[in-house]
PDB file of N, CA and C in Angstrom:
ATOM      1  N   UNK A   1       0.841  -1.181  -0.010  1.00  0.00           N
ATOM      2  CA  UNK A   1       0.001   0.008   0.002  1.00  0.00           C
ATOM      3  C   UNK A   1       0.875   1.249   0.002  1.00  0.00           C
ATOM      4  N   UNK A   2       1.903   1.270   0.842  1.00  0.00           N
ATOM      5  CA  UNK A   2       2.780   2.441   0.904  1.00  0.00           C
ATOM      6  C   UNK A   2       3.561   2.601  -0.384  1.00  0.00           C
ATOM      7  N   UNK A   3       4.065   1.517  -0.927  1.00  0.00           N
ATOM      8  CA  UNK A   3       4.793   1.555  -2.188  1.00  0.00           C
ATOM      9  C   UNK A   3       3.888   2.077  -3.311  1.00  0.00           C
ATOM     10  N   UNK A   4       2.683   1.583  -3.335  1.00  0.00           N
ATOM     11  CA  UNK A   4       1.725   2.016  -4.340  1.00  0.00           C
ATOM     12  C   UNK A   4       1.409   3.507  -4.237  1.00  0.00           C
ATOM     13  N   UNK A   5       1.185   3.977  -3.034  1.00  0.00           N
ATOM     14  CA  UNK A   5       0.933   5.399  -2.822  1.00  0.00           C
ATOM     15  C   UNK A   5       2.123   6.242  -3.227  1.00  0.00           C
ATOM     16  N   UNK A   6       3.324   5.796  -2.897  1.00  0.00           N
ATOM     17  CA  UNK A   6       4.545   6.505  -3.262  1.00  0.00           C
ATOM     18  C   UNK A   6       4.652   6.650  -4.776  1.00  0.00           C
ATOM     19  N   UNK A   7       4.326   5.598  -5.499  1.00  0.00           N
ATOM     20  CA  UNK A   7       4.376   5.658  -6.953  1.00  0.00           C
ATOM     21  C   UNK A   7       3.327   6.613  -7.510  1.00  0.00           C
ATOM     22  N   UNK A   8       2.116   6.564  -6.954  1.00  0.00           N
ATOM     23  CA  UNK A   8       1.040   7.419  -7.418  1.00  0.00           C
ATOM     24  C   UNK A   8       1.338   8.904  -7.225  1.00  0.00           C
ATOM     25  N   UNK A   9       2.038   9.209  -6.129  1.00  0.00           N
ATOM     26  CA  UNK A   9       2.317  10.597  -5.791  1.00  0.00           C
ATOM     27  C   UNK A   9       3.733  11.027  -6.186  1.00  0.00           C
ATOM     28  N   UNK A  10       4.451  10.146  -6.876  1.00  0.00           N
ATOM     29  CA  UNK A  10       5.832  10.429  -7.287  1.00  0.00           C
ATOM     30  C   UNK A  10       6.697  10.806  -6.072  1.00  0.00           C
ATOM     31  N   UNK A  11       6.471  10.158  -4.966  1.00  0.00           N
ATOM     32  CA  UNK A  11       7.257  10.396  -3.751  1.00  0.00           C
ATOM     33  C   UNK A  11       8.556   9.620  -3.802  1.00  0.00           C
ATOM     34  N   UNK A  12       9.617  10.299  -3.487  1.00  0.00           N
ATOM     35  CA  UNK A  12      10.919   9.667  -3.496  1.00  0.00           C
ATOM     36  C   UNK A  12      11.225   9.114  -2.096  1.00  0.00           C
ATOM     37  N   UNK A  13      11.681   7.884  -2.060  1.00  0.00           N
ATOM     38  CA  UNK A  13      12.064   7.278  -0.771  1.00  0.00           C
ATOM     39  C   UNK A  13      13.400   7.836  -0.363  1.00  0.00           C
ATOM     40  N   UNK A  14      13.544   8.150   0.939  1.00  0.00           N
ATOM     41  CA  UNK A  14      14.803   8.671   1.468  1.00  0.00           C
ATOM     42  C   UNK A  14      14.894   8.342   2.948  1.00  0.00           C
ATOM     43  N   UNK A  15      16.087   8.437   3.482  1.00  0.00           N
ATOM     44  CA  UNK A  15      16.294   8.225   4.908  1.00  0.00           C
ATOM     45  C   UNK A  15      15.835   9.489   5.629  1.00  0.00           C
ATOM     46  N   UNK A  16      15.085   9.316   6.689  1.00  0.00           N
ATOM     47  CA  UNK A  16      14.595  10.459   7.469  1.00  0.00           C
ATOM     48  C   UNK A  16      15.253  10.420   8.843  1.00  0.00           C
ATOM     49  N   UNK A  17      15.850  11.538   9.224  1.00  0.00           N
ATOM     50  CA  UNK A  17      16.577  11.585  10.504  1.00  0.00           C
ATOM     51  C   UNK A  17      15.620  11.622  11.683  1.00  0.00           C
ATOM     52  N   UNK A  18      16.109  11.253  12.825  1.00  0.00           N
ATOM     53  CA  UNK A  18      15.327  11.313  14.066  1.00  0.00           C
ATOM     54  C   UNK A  18      14.857  12.759  14.308  1.00  0.00           C
ATOM     55  N   UNK A  19      15.726  13.742  14.017  1.00  0.00           N
ATOM     56  CA  UNK A  19      15.361  15.147  14.219  1.00  0.00           C
ATOM     57  C   UNK A  19      14.181  15.540  13.345  1.00  0.00           C
ATOM     58  N   UNK A  20      14.167  15.102  12.108  1.00  0.00           N
ATOM     59  CA  UNK A  20      13.067  15.417  11.214  1.00  0.00           C
ATOM     60  C   UNK A  20      11.770  14.772  11.687  1.00  0.00           C
ATOM     61  N   UNK A  21      11.859  13.556  12.164  1.00  0.00           N
ATOM     62  CA  UNK A  21      10.648  12.891  12.675  1.00  0.00           C
ATOM     63  C   UNK A  21      10.079  13.667  13.857  1.00  0.00           C
ATOM     64  N   UNK A  22      10.915  14.088  14.771  1.00  0.00           N
ATOM     65  CA  UNK A  22      10.466  14.868  15.949  1.00  0.00           C
ATOM     66  C   UNK A  22       9.858  16.187  15.467  1.00  0.00           C
ATOM     67  N   UNK A  23      10.564  16.873  14.553  1.00  0.00           N
ATOM     68  CA  UNK A  23      10.027  18.141  14.061  1.00  0.00           C
ATOM     69  C   UNK A  23       8.677  17.969  13.401  1.00  0.00           C
ATOM     70  N   UNK A  24       8.535  16.971  12.549  1.00  0.00           N
ATOM     71  CA  UNK A  24       7.270  16.795  11.859  1.00  0.00           C
ATOM     72  C   UNK A  24       6.123  16.503  12.823  1.00  0.00           C
ATOM     73  N   UNK A  25       6.419  15.747  13.852  1.00  0.00           N
ATOM     74  CA  UNK A  25       5.370  15.435  14.827  1.00  0.00           C
ATOM     75  C   UNK A  25       5.049  16.628  15.731  1.00  0.00           C
ATOM     76  N   UNK A  26       6.070  17.236  16.298  1.00  0.00           N
ATOM     77  CA  UNK A  26       5.855  18.322  17.265  1.00  0.00           C
ATOM     78  C   UNK A  26       5.428  19.610  16.563  1.00  0.00           C
ATOM     79  N   UNK A  27       6.019  19.930  15.434  1.00  0.00           N
ATOM     80  CA  UNK A  27       5.646  21.171  14.760  1.00  0.00           C
ATOM     81  C   UNK A  27       4.234  21.101  14.183  1.00  0.00           C
ATOM     82  N   UNK A  28       3.752  19.911  13.860  1.00  0.00           N
ATOM     83  CA  UNK A  28       2.360  19.781  13.478  1.00  0.00           C
ATOM     84  C   UNK A  28       1.433  20.131  14.648  1.00  0.00           C
ATOM     85  N   UNK A  29       1.805  19.689  15.866  1.00  0.00           N
ATOM     86  CA  UNK A  29       1.056  20.059  17.044  1.00  0.00           C
ATOM     87  C   UNK A  29       1.091  21.560  17.279  1.00  0.00           C
ATOM     88  N   UNK A  30       2.271  22.121  17.103  1.00  0.00           N
ATOM     89  CA  UNK A  30       2.454  23.588  17.312  1.00  0.00           C
ATOM     90  C   UNK A  30       1.590  24.350  16.309  1.00  0.00           C
ATOM     91  N   UNK A  31       1.636  23.942  15.059  1.00  0.00           N
ATOM     92  CA  UNK A  31       0.855  24.651  14.039  1.00  0.00           C
ATOM     93  C   UNK A  31      -0.628  24.573  14.327  1.00  0.00           C
ATOM     94  N   UNK A  32      -1.109  23.424  14.718  1.00  0.00           N
ATOM     95  CA  UNK A  32      -2.550  23.294  15.066  1.00  0.00           C
ATOM     96  C   UNK A  32      -2.866  24.069  16.331  1.00  0.00           C
ATOM     97  N   UNK A  33      -1.939  24.060  17.295  1.00  0.00           N
ATOM     98  CA  UNK A  33      -2.123  24.854  18.525  1.00  0.00           C
ATOM     99  C   UNK A  33      -2.246  26.332  18.203  1.00  0.00           C
ATOM    100  N   UNK A  34      -1.417  26.802  17.296  1.00  0.00           N
ATOM    101  CA  UNK A  34      -1.469  28.218  16.883  1.00  0.00           C
ATOM    102  C   UNK A  34      -2.831  28.547  16.264  1.00  0.00           C
ATOM    103  N   UNK A  35      -3.347  27.636  15.462  1.00  0.00           N
ATOM    104  CA  UNK A  35      -4.658  27.839  14.847  1.00  0.00           C
ATOM    105  C   UNK A  35      -5.755  27.863  15.905  1.00  0.00           C
ATOM    106  N   UNK A  36      -5.622  27.013  16.914  1.00  0.00           N
ATOM    107  CA  UNK A  36      -6.608  27.003  18.038  1.00  0.00           C
ATOM    108  C   UNK A  36      -6.587  28.345  18.767  1.00  0.00           C
ATOM    109  N   UNK A  37      -5.376  28.874  18.979  1.00  0.00           N
ATOM    110  CA  UNK A  37      -5.260  30.201  19.609  1.00  0.00           C
ATOM    111  C   UNK A  37      -5.916  31.261  18.743  1.00  0.00           C
ATOM    112  N   UNK A  38      -5.641  31.220  17.457  1.00  0.00           N
ATOM    113  CA  UNK A  38      -6.204  32.217  16.525  1.00  0.00           C
ATOM    114  C   UNK A  38      -7.733  32.181  16.523  1.00  0.00           C
ATOM    115  N   UNK A  39      -8.290  30.987  16.666  1.00  0.00           N
ATOM    116  CA  UNK A  39      -9.739  30.844  16.660  1.00  0.00           C
ATOM    117  C   UNK A  39     -10.372  31.218  17.989  1.00  0.00           C
ATOM    118  N   UNK A  40      -9.560  31.469  19.014  1.00  0.00           N
ATOM    119  CA  UNK A  40     -10.071  31.852  20.318  1.00  0.00           C
ATOM    120  C   UNK A  40     -10.605  30.696  21.139  1.00  0.00           C
ATOM    121  N   UNK A  41     -10.287  29.480  20.762  1.00  0.00           N
ATOM    122  CA  UNK A  41     -10.738  28.305  21.521  1.00  0.00           C
ATOM    123  C   UNK A  41     -10.080  28.249  22.872  1.00  0.00           C
ATOM    124  N   UNK A  42      -8.845  28.679  22.923  1.00  0.00           N
ATOM    125  CA  UNK A  42      -8.108  28.860  24.183  1.00  0.00           C
ATOM    126  C   UNK A  42      -7.573  30.273  24.222  1.00  0.00           C
ATOM    127  N   UNK A  43      -7.256  30.756  25.432  1.00  0.00           N
ATOM    128  CA  UNK A  43      -6.823  32.134  25.549  1.00  0.00           C
ATOM    129  C   UNK A  43      -5.308  32.299  25.569  1.00  0.00           C
ATOM    130  N   UNK A  44      -4.578  31.227  25.884  1.00  0.00           N
ATOM    131  CA  UNK A  44      -3.117  31.362  25.920  1.00  0.00           C
ATOM    132  C   UNK A  44      -2.469  30.027  25.611  1.00  0.00           C
ATOM    133  N   UNK A  45      -1.240  30.110  25.110  1.00  0.00           N
ATOM    134  CA  UNK A  45      -0.497  28.919  24.683  1.00  0.00           C
ATOM    135  C   UNK A  45      -0.284  27.923  25.802  1.00  0.00           C
ATOM    136  N   UNK A  46      -0.126  28.424  27.016  1.00  0.00           N
ATOM    137  CA  UNK A  46       0.120  27.513  28.134  1.00  0.00           C
ATOM    138  C   UNK A  46      -1.072  26.601  28.413  1.00  0.00           C
ATOM    139  N   UNK A  47      -2.273  27.024  28.008  1.00  0.00           N
ATOM    140  CA  UNK A  47      -3.442  26.127  28.160  1.00  0.00           C
ATOM    141  C   UNK A  47      -3.270  24.907  27.268  1.00  0.00           C
ATOM    142  N   UNK A  48      -2.772  25.109  26.061  1.00  0.00           N
ATOM    143  CA  UNK A  48      -2.518  23.985  25.146  1.00  0.00           C
ATOM    144  C   UNK A  48      -1.431  23.079  25.740  1.00  0.00           C
ATOM    145  N   UNK A  49      -0.372  23.697  26.250  1.00  0.00           N
ATOM    146  CA  UNK A  49       0.713  22.908  26.858  1.00  0.00           C
ATOM    147  C   UNK A  49       0.216  22.065  27.995  1.00  0.00           C
ATOM    148  N   UNK A  50      -0.658  22.609  28.827  1.00  0.00           N
ATOM    149  CA  UNK A  50      -1.179  21.839  29.989  1.00  0.00           C
ATOM    150  C   UNK A  50      -1.963  20.624  29.522  1.00  0.00           C
ATOM    151  N   UNK A  51      -2.747  20.779  28.483  1.00  0.00           N
ATOM    152  CA  UNK A  51      -3.490  19.638  27.948  1.00  0.00           C
ATOM    153  C   UNK A  51      -2.542  18.532  27.517  1.00  0.00           C
ATOM    154  N   UNK A  52      -1.499  18.929  26.780  1.00  0.00           N
ATOM    155  CA  UNK A  52      -0.552  17.929  26.306  1.00  0.00           C
ATOM    156  C   UNK A  52       0.261  17.319  27.431  1.00  0.00           C
ATOM    157  N   UNK A  53       0.585  18.090  28.445  1.00  0.00           N
ATOM    158  CA  UNK A  53       1.385  17.562  29.559  1.00  0.00           C
ATOM    159  C   UNK A  53       0.582  16.650  30.453  1.00  0.00           C
ATOM    160  N   UNK A  54      -0.664  17.051  30.766  1.00  0.00           N
ATOM    161  CA  UNK A  54      -1.442  16.281  31.725  1.00  0.00           C
ATOM    162  C   UNK A  54      -2.395  15.265  31.081  1.00  0.00           C
ATOM    163  N   UNK A  55      -2.733  15.481  29.810  1.00  0.00           N
ATOM    164  CA  UNK A  55      -3.703  14.590  29.194  1.00  0.00           C
ATOM    165  C   UNK A  55      -3.145  13.651  28.144  1.00  0.00           C
ATOM    166  N   UNK A  56      -2.079  14.093  27.492  1.00  0.00           N
ATOM    167  CA  UNK A  56      -1.551  13.303  26.375  1.00  0.00           C
ATOM    168  C   UNK A  56      -0.160  12.756  26.590  1.00  0.00           C
ATOM    169  N   UNK A  57       0.442  13.031  27.717  1.00  0.00           N
ATOM    170  CA  UNK A  57       1.730  12.461  28.035  1.00  0.00           C
ATOM    171  C   UNK A  57       2.927  13.092  27.347  1.00  0.00           C
ATOM    172  N   UNK A  58       2.768  14.349  26.888  1.00  0.00           N
ATOM    173  CA  UNK A  58       3.918  15.033  26.319  1.00  0.00           C
ATOM    174  C   UNK A  58       5.012  15.140  27.380  1.00  0.00           C
ATOM    175  N   UNK A  59       6.275  14.975  27.036  1.00  0.00           N
ATOM    176  CA  UNK A  59       7.329  14.937  28.059  1.00  0.00           C
ATOM    177  C   UNK A  59       7.359  16.228  28.916  1.00  0.00           C
ATOM    178  N   UNK A  60       7.270  16.038  30.211  1.00  0.00           N
ATOM    179  CA  UNK A  60       7.232  17.185  31.126  1.00  0.00           C
ATOM    180  C   UNK A  60       8.448  18.094  30.966  1.00  0.00           C
ATOM    181  N   UNK A  61       9.615  17.496  30.749  1.00  0.00           N
ATOM    182  CA  UNK A  61      10.823  18.312  30.671  1.00  0.00           C
ATOM    183  C   UNK A  61      10.853  19.201  29.401  1.00  0.00           C
ATOM    184  N   UNK A  62       9.975  18.934  28.456  1.00  0.00           N
ATOM    185  CA  UNK A  62       9.870  19.784  27.252  1.00  0.00           C
ATOM    186  C   UNK A  62       8.898  20.944  27.472  1.00  0.00           C
ATOM    187  N   UNK A  63       8.021  20.815  28.454  1.00  0.00           N
ATOM    188  CA  UNK A  63       7.123  21.914  28.818  1.00  0.00           C
ATOM    189  C   UNK A  63       5.898  22.054  27.930  1.00  0.00           C
ATOM    190  N   UNK A  64       5.683  21.178  27.005  1.00  0.00           N
ATOM    191  CA  UNK A  64       4.550  21.236  26.099  1.00  0.00           C
ATOM    192  C   UNK A  64       4.998  21.708  24.732  1.00  0.00           C
ATOM    193  N   UNK A  65       4.181  21.445  23.711  1.00  0.00           N
ATOM    194  CA  UNK A  65       4.598  21.778  22.343  1.00  0.00           C
ATOM    195  C   UNK A  65       4.773  23.263  22.089  1.00  0.00           C
ATOM    196  N   UNK A  66       3.968  24.102  22.712  1.00  0.00           N
ATOM    197  CA  UNK A  66       4.065  25.522  22.455  1.00  0.00           C
ATOM    198  C   UNK A  66       5.315  26.104  23.094  1.00  0.00           C
ATOM    199  N   UNK A  67       5.598  25.681  24.333  1.00  0.00           N
ATOM    200  CA  UNK A  67       6.833  26.132  24.982  1.00  0.00           C
ATOM    201  C   UNK A  67       8.052  25.572  24.245  1.00  0.00           C
ATOM    202  N   UNK A  68       7.974  24.346  23.783  1.00  0.00           N
ATOM    203  CA  UNK A  68       9.075  23.772  23.028  1.00  0.00           C
ATOM    204  C   UNK A  68       9.325  24.613  21.771  1.00  0.00           C
ATOM    205  N   UNK A  69       8.271  25.038  21.097  1.00  0.00           N
ATOM    206  CA  UNK A  69       8.430  25.886  19.907  1.00  0.00           C
ATOM    207  C   UNK A  69       9.134  27.199  20.253  1.00  0.00           C
ATOM    208  N   UNK A  70       8.749  27.774  21.382  1.00  0.00           N
ATOM    209  CA  UNK A  70       9.434  29.000  21.830  1.00  0.00           C
ATOM    210  C   UNK A  70      10.899  28.714  22.131  1.00  0.00           C
ATOM    211  N   UNK A  71      11.180  27.559  22.671  1.00  0.00           N
ATOM    212  CA  UNK A  71      12.557  27.203  23.026  1.00  0.00           C
ATOM    213  C   UNK A  71      13.441  27.067  21.785  1.00  0.00           C
ATOM    214  N   UNK A  72      12.927  26.447  20.742  1.00  0.00           N
ATOM    215  CA  UNK A  72      13.721  26.289  19.513  1.00  0.00           C
ATOM    216  C   UNK A  72      13.651  27.531  18.637  1.00  0.00           C
ATOM    217  N   UNK A  73      12.698  28.413  18.937  1.00  0.00           N
ATOM    218  CA  UNK A  73      12.529  29.654  18.173  1.00  0.00           C
ATOM    219  C   UNK A  73      11.496  29.526  17.076  1.00  0.00           C
ATOM    220  N   UNK A  74      10.514  30.424  17.077  1.00  0.00           N
ATOM    221  CA  UNK A  74       9.475  30.329  16.054  1.00  0.00           C
ATOM    222  C   UNK A  74      10.001  30.571  14.658  1.00  0.00           C
ATOM    223  N   UNK A  75      11.109  31.294  14.527  1.00  0.00           N
ATOM    224  CA  UNK A  75      11.753  31.447  13.232  1.00  0.00           C
ATOM    225  C   UNK A  75      12.125  30.075  12.685  1.00  0.00           C
ATOM    226  N   UNK A  76      12.695  29.233  13.507  1.00  0.00           N
ATOM    227  CA  UNK A  76      13.099  27.883  13.108  1.00  0.00           C
ATOM    228  C   UNK A  76      11.879  27.005  12.829  1.00  0.00           C
ATOM    229  N   UNK A  77      10.849  27.173  13.649  1.00  0.00           N
ATOM    230  CA  UNK A  77       9.609  26.429  13.438  1.00  0.00           C
ATOM    231  C   UNK A  77       8.973  26.793  12.088  1.00  0.00           C
ATOM    232  N   UNK A  78       8.905  28.107  11.838  1.00  0.00           N
ATOM    233  CA  UNK A  78       8.320  28.574  10.576  1.00  0.00           C
ATOM    234  C   UNK A  78       9.097  28.017   9.381  1.00  0.00           C
ATOM    235  N   UNK A  79      10.417  28.093   9.433  1.00  0.00           N
ATOM    236  CA  UNK A  79      11.271  27.583   8.365  1.00  0.00           C
ATOM    237  C   UNK A  79      11.005  26.106   8.096  1.00  0.00           C
ATOM    238  N   UNK A  80      10.957  25.325   9.185  1.00  0.00           N
ATOM    239  CA  UNK A  80      10.702  23.883   9.055  1.00  0.00           C
ATOM    240  C   UNK A  80       9.326  23.602   8.472  1.00  0.00           C
ATOM    241  N   UNK A  81       8.312  24.290   8.954  1.00  0.00           N
ATOM    242  CA  UNK A  81       6.964  24.069   8.447  1.00  0.00           C
ATOM    243  C   UNK A  81       6.887  24.416   6.968  1.00  0.00           C
ATOM    244  N   UNK A  82       7.514  25.483   6.563  1.00  0.00           N
ATOM    245  CA  UNK A  82       7.511  25.851   5.125  1.00  0.00           C
ATOM    246  C   UNK A  82       8.234  24.782   4.303  1.00  0.00           C
ATOM    247  N   UNK A  83       9.304  24.223   4.819  1.00  0.00           N
ATOM    248  CA  UNK A  83      10.034  23.161   4.132  1.00  0.00           C
ATOM    249  C   UNK A  83       9.150  21.931   3.977  1.00  0.00           C
ATOM    250  N   UNK A  84       8.463  21.546   5.061  1.00  0.00           N
ATOM    251  CA  UNK A  84       7.591  20.372   4.990  1.00  0.00           C
ATOM    252  C   UNK A  84       6.380  20.643   4.075  1.00  0.00           C
ATOM    253  N   UNK A  85       5.879  21.854   4.064  1.00  0.00           N
ATOM    254  CA  UNK A  85       4.764  22.201   3.190  1.00  0.00           C
ATOM    255  C   UNK A  85       5.192  22.047   1.729  1.00  0.00           C
ATOM    256  N   UNK A  86       6.413  22.427   1.413  1.00  0.00           N
ATOM    257  CA  UNK A  86       6.882  22.327   0.031  1.00  0.00           C
ATOM    258  C   UNK A  86       7.027  20.869  -0.408  1.00  0.00           C
ATOM    259  N   UNK A  87       7.141  19.951   0.537  1.00  0.00           N
ATOM    260  CA  UNK A  87       7.287  18.534   0.215  1.00  0.00           C
ATOM    261  C   UNK A  87       5.956  17.784   0.241  1.00  0.00           C
ATOM    262  N   UNK A  88       4.911  18.415   0.734  1.00  0.00           N
ATOM    263  CA  UNK A  88       3.642  17.750   0.966  1.00  0.00           C
ATOM    264  C   UNK A  88       2.748  17.800  -0.262  1.00  0.00           C
ATOM    265  N   UNK A  89       1.856  16.821  -0.326  1.00  0.00           N
ATOM    266  CA  UNK A  89       0.793  16.844  -1.319  1.00  0.00           C
ATOM    267  C   UNK A  89      -0.452  17.340  -0.598  1.00  0.00           C
ATOM    268  N   UNK A  90      -0.971  18.471  -1.015  1.00  0.00           N
ATOM    269  CA  UNK A  90      -2.149  19.027  -0.342  1.00  0.00           C
ATOM    270  C   UNK A  90      -1.743  20.126   0.619  1.00  0.00           C
ATOM    271  N   UNK A  91      -2.679  20.511   1.465  1.00  0.00           N
ATOM    272  CA  UNK A  91      -2.460  21.651   2.367  1.00  0.00           C
ATOM    273  C   UNK A  91      -2.297  21.235   3.827  1.00  0.00           C
ATOM    274  N   UNK A  92      -1.806  20.048   4.052  1.00  0.00           N
ATOM    275  CA  UNK A  92      -1.647  19.546   5.418  1.00  0.00           C
ATOM    276  C   UNK A  92      -0.730  20.447   6.258  1.00  0.00           C
ATOM    277  N   UNK A  93       0.187  21.145   5.620  1.00  0.00           N
ATOM    278  CA  UNK A  93       1.138  21.996   6.349  1.00  0.00           C
ATOM    279  C   UNK A  93       0.864  23.487   6.130  1.00  0.00           C
ATOM    280  N   UNK A  94      -0.401  23.843   5.983  1.00  0.00           N
ATOM    281  CA  UNK A  94      -0.741  25.257   5.827  1.00  0.00           C
ATOM    282  C   UNK A  94      -0.404  25.956   7.143  1.00  0.00           C
ATOM    283  N   UNK A  95       0.536  26.880   7.088  1.00  0.00           N
ATOM    284  CA  UNK A  95       1.072  27.484   8.304  1.00  0.00           C
ATOM    285  C   UNK A  95       0.125  28.497   8.924  1.00  0.00           C
ATOM    286  N   UNK A  96       0.028  28.470  10.229  1.00  0.00           N
ATOM    287  CA  UNK A  96      -0.808  29.408  10.981  1.00  0.00           C
ATOM    288  C   UNK A  96      -0.218  30.808  10.864  1.00  0.00           C
ATOM    289  N   UNK A  97      -1.066  31.784  10.614  1.00  0.00           N
ATOM    290  CA  UNK A  97      -0.603  33.146  10.433  1.00  0.00           C
ATOM    291  C   UNK A  97       0.111  33.703  11.679  1.00  0.00           C
ATOM    292  N   UNK A  98      -0.312  33.264  12.859  1.00  0.00           N
ATOM    293  CA  UNK A  98       0.324  33.768  14.074  1.00  0.00           C
ATOM    294  C   UNK A  98       1.778  33.317  14.184  1.00  0.00           C
ATOM    295  N   UNK A  99       2.108  32.143  13.650  1.00  0.00           N
ATOM    296  CA  UNK A  99       3.509  31.699  13.665  1.00  0.00           C
ATOM    297  C   UNK A  99       4.335  32.638  12.804  1.00  0.00           C
ATOM    298  N   UNK A 100       3.845  32.976  11.627  1.00  0.00           N
ATOM    299  CA  UNK A 100       4.556  33.896  10.715  1.00  0.00           C
ATOM    300  C   UNK A 100       4.729  35.256  11.398  1.00  0.00           C
ATOM    301  N   UNK A 101       3.633  35.733  11.978  1.00  0.00           N
ATOM    302  CA  UNK A 101       3.673  37.076  12.615  1.00  0.00           C
ATOM    303  C   UNK A 101       4.649  37.111  13.793  1.00  0.00           C
ATOM    304  N   UNK A 102       4.526  36.157  14.684  1.00  0.00           N
ATOM    305  CA  UNK A 102       5.392  36.146  15.887  1.00  0.00           C
ATOM    306  C   UNK A 102       6.857  35.893  15.514  1.00  0.00           C
ATOM    307  N   UNK A 103       7.091  35.017  14.557  1.00  0.00           N
ATOM    308  CA  UNK A 103       8.470  34.744  14.109  1.00  0.00           C
ATOM    309  C   UNK A 103       9.067  36.008  13.515  1.00  0.00           C
ATOM    310  N   UNK A 104       8.277  36.727  12.726  1.00  0.00           N
ATOM    311  CA  UNK A 104       8.753  37.970  12.110  1.00  0.00           C
ATOM    312  C   UNK A 104       9.092  39.047  13.119  1.00  0.00           C
ATOM    313  N   UNK A 105       8.422  39.005  14.252  1.00  0.00           N
ATOM    314  CA  UNK A 105       8.674  39.982  15.331  1.00  0.00           C
ATOM    315  C   UNK A 105       9.749  39.495  16.279  1.00  0.00           C
ATOM    316  N   UNK A 106      10.214  38.265  16.084  1.00  0.00           N
ATOM    317  CA  UNK A 106      11.220  37.714  16.992  1.00  0.00           C
ATOM    318  C   UNK A 106      10.641  37.330  18.345  1.00  0.00           C
ATOM    319  N   UNK A 107       9.356  37.066  18.370  1.00  0.00           N
ATOM    320  CA  UNK A 107       8.674  36.707  19.617  1.00  0.00           C
ATOM    321  C   UNK A 107       8.261  35.259  19.583  1.00  0.00           C
ATOM    322  N   UNK A 108       7.748  34.790  20.730  1.00  0.00           N
ATOM    323  CA  UNK A 108       7.211  33.442  20.845  1.00  0.00           C
ATOM    324  C   UNK A 108       5.792  33.495  21.343  1.00  0.00           C
ATOM    325  N   UNK A 109       5.210  32.346  21.571  1.00  0.00           N
ATOM    326  CA  UNK A 109       3.846  32.282  22.071  1.00  0.00           C
ATOM    327  C   UNK A 109       3.726  32.815  23.485  1.00  0.00           C
ATOM    328  N   UNK A 110       4.773  32.667  24.248  1.00  0.00           N
ATOM    329  CA  UNK A 110       4.734  33.061  25.664  1.00  0.00           C
ATOM    330  C   UNK A 110       5.475  34.390  25.904  1.00  0.00           C
ATOM    331  N   UNK A 111       5.539  35.205  24.906  1.00  0.00           N
ATOM    332  CA  UNK A 111       6.163  36.507  25.093  1.00  0.00           C
ATOM    333  C   UNK A 111       7.335  36.816  24.257  1.00  0.00           C
TER     334      UNK A 111
END
């Protein structure tokens, strides 16, 4: 099934680093979290982090996906998301406008 899909989408097989796997997983959470903030579903990024820390088992020492994004820098998060979007079929990596805005200002979700 995977081989068939790869052929249909002209996807090239390649080795994927552990770092890229982590980025793709965590930055997808960050991007969706940013969209949740934009929609006003939550009032602050730390609310999202608390859900992931207490409900989903996100590693406590990372502080949650939104704090992790601030730690690595939203500029880096934006760059990675844009790179993954350019490799994707469809709009699965449509970047949240707040990530672009905050990264451009040199800020993070928590200040």
